[in-house]
Protein backbone atom coordinates (compact mmCIF):
# COMPACT_ATOMS: atom_id res chain seq x y z
CA MET A 1 134.09 116.35 99.81
CA ALA A 2 131.00 117.83 98.19
CA GLY A 3 129.66 121.24 99.16
CA PRO A 4 126.15 121.99 100.37
CA ALA A 5 124.89 122.87 96.91
CA ASP A 6 125.86 119.38 95.73
CA GLY A 7 123.44 117.69 98.10
CA LEU A 8 125.79 117.13 101.04
CA ILE A 9 126.99 113.81 99.58
CA GLY A 10 130.01 112.87 101.70
CA PHE A 11 129.50 115.92 103.93
CA SER A 12 129.49 115.56 107.75
CA ALA A 13 127.09 112.60 107.85
CA ARG A 14 126.98 108.85 107.41
CA GLU A 15 125.75 107.24 104.20
CA ASP A 16 122.18 106.70 105.41
CA VAL A 17 121.85 110.42 106.20
CA GLN A 18 123.42 111.38 102.87
CA ALA A 19 120.93 109.17 101.03
CA ALA A 20 118.03 110.70 102.96
CA ILE A 21 119.20 114.21 102.13
CA ALA A 22 119.50 113.36 98.45
CA SER A 23 115.89 112.05 98.47
CA TRP A 24 114.72 115.08 100.42
CA ARG A 25 116.32 117.42 97.87
CA ARG A 26 114.63 115.58 94.99
CA TRP A 27 111.30 115.87 96.82
CA MET A 28 111.85 119.60 97.37
CA GLU A 29 112.65 120.11 93.68
CA VAL A 30 109.85 117.96 92.20
CA GLU A 31 107.00 118.07 94.71
CA LYS A 32 107.55 121.45 96.37
CA ARG A 33 109.00 123.07 93.23
CA ALA A 34 111.57 124.85 95.40
CA SER A 35 113.73 127.34 93.55
CA PRO A 36 117.48 126.69 93.28
CA HIS A 37 118.07 129.61 95.64
CA THR A 38 115.67 128.25 98.27
CA LEU A 39 117.05 124.75 98.00
CA SER A 40 120.61 126.01 98.31
CA ALA A 41 119.73 128.07 101.41
CA TYR A 42 117.92 125.17 103.08
CA THR A 43 120.78 122.83 102.29
CA ARG A 44 123.35 125.20 103.78
CA ASP A 45 121.28 125.43 106.95
CA LEU A 46 121.10 121.65 107.18
CA ALA A 47 124.84 121.43 106.57
CA THR A 48 125.60 123.66 109.55
CA PHE A 49 123.39 121.48 111.75
CA LEU A 50 125.13 118.28 110.69
CA GLU A 51 128.54 119.88 111.13
CA PHE A 52 127.52 120.95 114.61
CA LEU A 53 126.35 117.46 115.53
CA THR A 54 129.64 116.02 114.26
CA GLY A 55 131.65 118.27 116.55
CA TYR A 56 129.15 118.05 119.39
CA HIS A 57 129.18 114.24 119.57
CA GLY A 58 132.61 113.59 118.10
CA ARG A 59 131.34 111.39 115.24
CA LEU A 60 129.49 111.60 111.94
CA PRO A 61 125.74 111.51 112.64
CA ALA A 62 123.63 108.61 111.38
CA LEU A 63 119.84 108.52 111.01
CA ASN A 64 119.61 106.94 114.43
CA ASP A 65 121.47 109.93 115.91
CA LEU A 66 119.03 112.33 114.25
CA GLY A 67 116.11 110.41 115.67
CA GLU A 68 117.59 110.58 119.16
CA ALA A 69 118.62 114.26 119.01
CA ARG A 70 117.39 116.06 122.13
CA LEU A 71 115.87 119.50 122.47
CA ALA A 72 119.12 120.51 124.21
CA ASP A 73 121.05 119.54 121.06
CA PHE A 74 118.92 121.77 118.85
CA ARG A 75 119.18 124.64 121.32
CA ALA A 76 122.94 124.24 121.56
CA TRP A 77 123.16 124.40 117.76
CA LEU A 78 121.14 127.65 117.70
CA ALA A 79 123.26 129.10 120.50
CA ARG A 80 126.39 128.34 118.47
CA ARG A 81 124.89 130.02 115.40
CA ALA A 82 124.05 133.09 117.49
CA ALA A 83 127.58 133.16 118.88
CA ASP A 84 128.86 133.04 115.31
CA GLY A 85 126.98 136.26 114.61
CA LEU A 86 123.95 134.88 112.78
CA GLY A 87 121.00 137.23 113.14
CA ALA A 88 117.56 136.28 114.44
CA SER A 89 115.96 136.20 110.98
CA SER A 90 118.69 133.90 109.63
CA ARG A 91 118.41 131.64 112.68
CA ALA A 92 114.66 131.52 112.20
CA ARG A 93 115.15 130.39 108.61
CA ALA A 94 117.69 127.77 109.75
CA VAL A 95 115.15 126.36 112.21
CA SER A 96 112.57 126.23 109.43
CA SER A 97 115.01 124.41 107.15
CA VAL A 98 116.01 121.76 109.69
CA ARG A 99 112.44 121.35 110.95
CA GLY A 100 111.26 120.83 107.37
CA PHE A 101 113.85 118.09 106.83
CA PHE A 102 112.83 116.31 110.02
CA ARG A 103 109.16 116.52 109.06
CA TRP A 104 109.98 114.93 105.72
CA LEU A 105 111.89 112.16 107.51
CA ASP A 106 108.84 111.60 109.70
CA ARG A 107 106.38 111.48 106.78
CA SER A 108 108.63 109.17 104.79
CA GLY A 109 108.87 106.78 107.73
CA ALA A 110 112.63 107.14 108.13
CA LEU A 111 112.49 108.37 111.74
CA HIS A 112 110.49 110.35 114.25
CA ASN A 113 111.94 113.01 116.51
CA ALA A 114 109.53 114.54 118.99
CA ALA A 115 112.03 117.03 120.40
CA ILE A 116 112.20 119.27 117.34
CA GLY A 117 108.49 119.99 117.65
CA SER A 118 109.26 121.78 120.92
CA LEU A 119 112.00 123.93 119.39
CA ARG A 120 110.92 127.56 119.31
CA THR A 121 111.69 129.78 116.37
CA PRO A 122 113.94 132.70 117.42
CA LYS A 123 111.99 135.90 117.88
CA GLN A 124 112.76 138.48 115.27
CA ALA A 125 113.01 142.11 116.24
CA LYS A 126 110.02 144.13 115.16
CA PRO A 127 110.82 146.83 112.61
CA LEU A 128 111.09 150.30 114.07
CA PRO A 129 108.03 152.52 113.69
CA LYS A 130 108.10 154.94 110.75
CA PRO A 131 106.44 158.16 111.90
CA LEU A 132 105.39 160.98 109.63
CA THR A 133 107.00 164.37 109.93
CA GLU A 134 104.96 167.00 111.73
CA ARG A 135 104.45 168.86 108.45
CA ASP A 136 103.32 165.74 106.57
CA ALA A 137 100.98 164.73 109.37
CA ALA A 138 99.29 168.14 109.36
CA ALA A 139 99.00 168.21 105.57
CA LEU A 140 97.59 164.69 105.47
CA LEU A 141 94.85 165.52 107.97
CA ASP A 142 93.75 168.50 105.88
CA LEU A 143 93.86 166.49 102.66
CA ALA A 144 91.74 163.70 104.12
CA ALA A 145 88.81 166.11 104.40
CA GLU A 146 89.00 167.02 100.70
CA ALA A 147 89.23 163.56 99.15
CA PRO A 148 85.66 162.09 99.50
CA ASP A 149 82.71 163.19 97.36
CA GLU A 150 80.44 163.58 100.42
CA PRO A 151 81.57 166.55 102.56
CA TRP A 152 80.45 164.90 105.81
CA ILE A 153 82.54 161.82 105.02
CA GLY A 154 85.54 164.05 104.43
CA ARG A 155 84.99 165.64 107.84
CA ARG A 156 84.61 162.16 109.36
CA ASP A 157 87.90 160.98 107.88
CA ARG A 158 89.67 164.10 109.06
CA ALA A 159 88.19 163.74 112.55
CA LEU A 160 89.21 160.09 112.81
CA LEU A 161 92.78 160.64 111.62
CA THR A 162 93.12 163.72 113.81
CA LEU A 163 92.01 161.64 116.79
CA LEU A 164 94.59 158.94 116.01
CA TYR A 165 97.37 161.50 115.72
CA GLY A 166 96.24 163.88 118.46
CA CYS A 167 95.51 161.23 121.11
CA GLY A 168 97.73 158.33 120.02
CA LEU A 169 94.84 155.89 119.66
CA ARG A 170 94.89 152.57 117.86
CA ILE A 171 92.38 152.53 115.02
CA ASP A 172 90.20 149.87 116.66
CA GLU A 173 90.15 151.93 119.87
CA ALA A 174 88.86 154.95 117.96
CA LEU A 175 86.28 152.99 115.95
CA SER A 176 84.91 151.29 119.09
CA LEU A 177 83.92 154.66 120.60
CA ASP A 178 80.23 155.45 120.96
CA ILE A 179 78.61 158.87 121.28
CA ARG A 180 78.36 158.46 125.05
CA ASP A 181 82.11 157.88 125.25
CA TRP A 182 82.98 161.28 123.82
CA PRO A 183 83.77 163.54 126.77
CA SER A 184 82.31 166.95 127.50
CA ALA A 185 85.57 167.85 129.24
CA ASP A 186 89.13 167.46 128.01
CA LEU A 187 89.85 163.85 129.03
CA LEU A 188 88.84 160.78 127.02
CA THR A 189 88.63 157.30 128.56
CA VAL A 190 89.90 154.72 126.08
CA THR A 191 89.48 150.95 126.31
CA GLY A 192 92.58 149.30 124.87
CA LYS A 193 94.05 145.83 124.63
CA GLY A 194 92.92 143.39 127.30
CA ARG A 195 89.99 145.71 128.14
CA LYS A 196 92.48 147.90 129.96
CA GLN A 197 91.35 151.51 130.24
CA ARG A 198 93.46 154.64 130.12
CA VAL A 199 92.74 158.35 130.10
CA VAL A 200 94.14 160.62 127.39
CA PRO A 201 93.81 164.40 126.99
CA VAL A 202 91.75 165.70 124.09
CA LEU A 203 93.47 168.60 122.37
CA PRO A 204 91.33 171.52 121.10
CA ALA A 205 92.25 170.65 117.50
CA VAL A 206 90.96 167.10 118.03
CA ARG A 207 87.74 168.30 119.64
CA GLU A 208 87.12 170.81 116.84
CA ALA A 209 87.61 168.14 114.16
CA VAL A 210 85.28 165.67 115.87
CA GLU A 211 82.60 168.29 116.54
CA ALA A 212 82.75 169.48 112.92
CA TYR A 213 82.13 165.91 111.80
CA ARG A 214 79.29 165.37 114.28
CA THR A 215 77.59 168.55 113.06
CA ALA A 216 77.86 167.51 109.42
CA CYS A 217 76.90 163.84 109.94
CA PRO A 218 73.37 163.24 108.55
CA TYR A 219 72.49 160.48 111.04
CA ALA A 220 70.73 161.18 114.32
CA GLU A 221 72.74 160.81 117.50
CA ALA A 222 71.93 158.58 120.45
CA PRO A 223 74.15 157.63 123.41
CA GLY A 224 74.68 154.08 122.14
CA ARG A 225 75.32 155.07 118.52
CA PRO A 226 78.87 154.60 117.21
CA LEU A 227 80.82 157.83 117.09
CA PHE A 228 82.25 157.12 113.63
CA LEU A 229 79.76 155.95 111.03
CA GLY A 230 80.07 154.46 107.58
CA ALA A 231 78.19 155.84 104.60
CA ARG A 232 75.15 153.62 105.36
CA GLY A 233 74.96 154.52 109.02
CA GLY A 234 76.68 151.49 110.58
CA ARG A 235 79.85 151.51 112.64
CA LEU A 236 82.77 152.54 110.45
CA ASN A 237 84.88 149.62 109.25
CA ALA A 238 88.65 149.80 109.71
CA ALA A 239 89.18 148.88 106.05
CA VAL A 240 87.27 152.01 104.98
CA ALA A 241 89.43 154.18 107.21
CA GLN A 242 92.58 152.54 105.87
CA LYS A 243 91.40 153.22 102.32
CA ALA A 244 90.96 156.89 103.16
CA MET A 245 94.52 156.96 104.45
CA ARG A 246 95.79 155.28 101.26
CA LEU A 247 94.05 157.86 99.08
CA ALA A 248 95.46 160.76 101.06
CA ARG A 249 99.01 159.43 101.17
CA GLY A 250 98.83 158.68 97.43
CA MET A 251 97.91 162.28 96.70
CA MET A 252 100.85 163.41 98.81
CA GLY A 253 103.32 160.87 97.46
CA LEU A 254 103.94 159.37 100.91
CA PRO A 255 105.26 155.78 101.28
CA GLU A 256 103.11 152.76 102.10
CA THR A 257 104.30 152.98 105.71
CA ALA A 258 102.00 156.00 106.11
CA THR A 259 99.13 153.99 107.62
CA PRO A 260 96.58 154.91 110.31
CA HIS A 261 98.83 153.19 112.84
CA ALA A 262 101.72 155.40 111.70
CA LEU A 263 99.77 158.34 113.11
CA ARG A 264 99.98 156.70 116.54
CA HIS A 265 103.72 156.27 116.03
CA SER A 266 103.93 159.91 115.00
CA PHE A 267 102.07 160.98 118.15
CA ALA A 268 104.61 159.19 120.37
CA THR A 269 107.69 160.25 118.40
CA HIS A 270 106.71 163.90 118.23
CA LEU A 271 106.01 163.98 121.96
CA LEU A 272 109.42 162.45 122.62
CA THR A 273 111.07 164.95 120.30
CA ASP A 274 109.50 167.80 122.24
CA GLY A 275 110.91 166.44 125.51
CA SER A 276 108.00 164.47 126.97
CA ASP A 277 108.73 161.91 129.66
CA LEU A 278 108.95 158.33 128.38
CA ARG A 279 106.75 156.94 131.16
CA ALA A 280 104.11 159.56 130.43
CA ILE A 281 104.12 158.48 126.79
CA GLN A 282 103.81 154.87 127.95
CA ASP A 283 100.66 155.76 129.88
CA LEU A 284 99.19 157.70 126.97
CA LEU A 285 99.77 154.83 124.56
CA GLY A 286 98.57 152.16 126.97
CA HIS A 287 101.74 150.08 126.71
CA ALA A 288 101.99 147.41 129.40
CA SER A 289 105.79 147.45 129.23
CA LEU A 290 108.13 150.42 129.11
CA SER A 291 110.40 148.45 126.77
CA THR A 292 107.70 148.72 124.07
CA THR A 293 107.64 152.50 124.43
CA GLN A 294 111.44 152.69 124.43
CA ARG A 295 111.42 151.69 120.76
CA TYR A 296 110.53 155.31 120.04
CA THR A 297 113.86 156.45 121.48
CA GLU A 298 115.52 154.37 118.74
CA VAL A 299 113.36 156.10 116.14
CA GLU A 300 114.39 159.49 117.49
CA ALA A 301 118.06 158.47 117.55
CA ASP A 302 117.83 157.39 113.92
CA ARG A 303 116.24 160.70 112.99
CA LEU A 304 118.93 162.66 114.81
CA MET A 305 121.67 160.74 113.01
CA GLU A 306 119.97 161.40 109.70
CA LEU A 307 119.84 165.12 110.46
CA TYR A 308 123.47 165.05 111.54
CA ASP A 309 124.61 163.30 108.38
CA ARG A 310 122.68 165.74 106.23
CA ALA A 311 123.47 168.99 108.02
CA HIS A 312 126.67 168.81 110.07
CA PRO A 313 129.74 170.27 108.27
CA ARG A 314 131.97 167.43 109.48
CA ALA A 315 129.52 164.84 108.19
CA ARG A 316 129.39 166.52 104.78
CA ALA A 317 133.18 166.63 104.67
CA LYS A 318 133.34 162.90 105.38
CA GLN A 319 130.97 162.14 102.48
CA SER A 320 132.81 164.27 99.94
């Protein structure tokens, strides 16, 4: 019995399937220039599917069986892989491998299976947010004002980043603000995803940074003028703001995860650390679902464990 790396010859399939797999592997190597590692991984994924079908139907699968495989068969295979402990990312790759083989069978005229087109790729968990520390966030905001050659642009960058951190805004929410949107009081109305509006408090530090920028900005103000302007007087582009963040984090030696959106993560995490209510943070961020906001509790738990491992005497004893 040959293993997966040997092309599945004689492995959990009838001869017509084995021949198709051998041709598919040659196509992957020659036409797609797949690396040995990729080809081996795809082949292993296909092997598990064929093994499953063998046990599921009580016989070695032939090409005709593959053509008649139902959506329920594919889902049952994925459920078995999940029960075996395979993670979402590995299951997603397995789906890609098997789907690619079936597409090749379709293009080569060997068979057509409509069911696999309806098979959804398993959702992969989003990576946890990576907030800045309070000290790094404060230092970065100050540094942003010093980086540009034009003083008013430095004040603009500081005002924008301070707004993201101090109010938890998404960058496109901040850049869509016009002069008329900036409040005279302490509450800012923000239009978020799906045109849904929310109200967030404006801290004195945020107001001071924005007013310092407005005073230094050389362009005349009008109610319909964008609040944040580029060097030529048009609405500030997100790419320019992201570049300012890259320059500041580079000067501080911060990782690439220190993006403008990380300031929004930092806003939520620091509020949670200081004891703020999770539902209040949900409202401030404009999350439609509390489950999205709850991701920040995982961030805080990770941070607490890191502090424990670094500082607790029992943790240090365990490491020594």
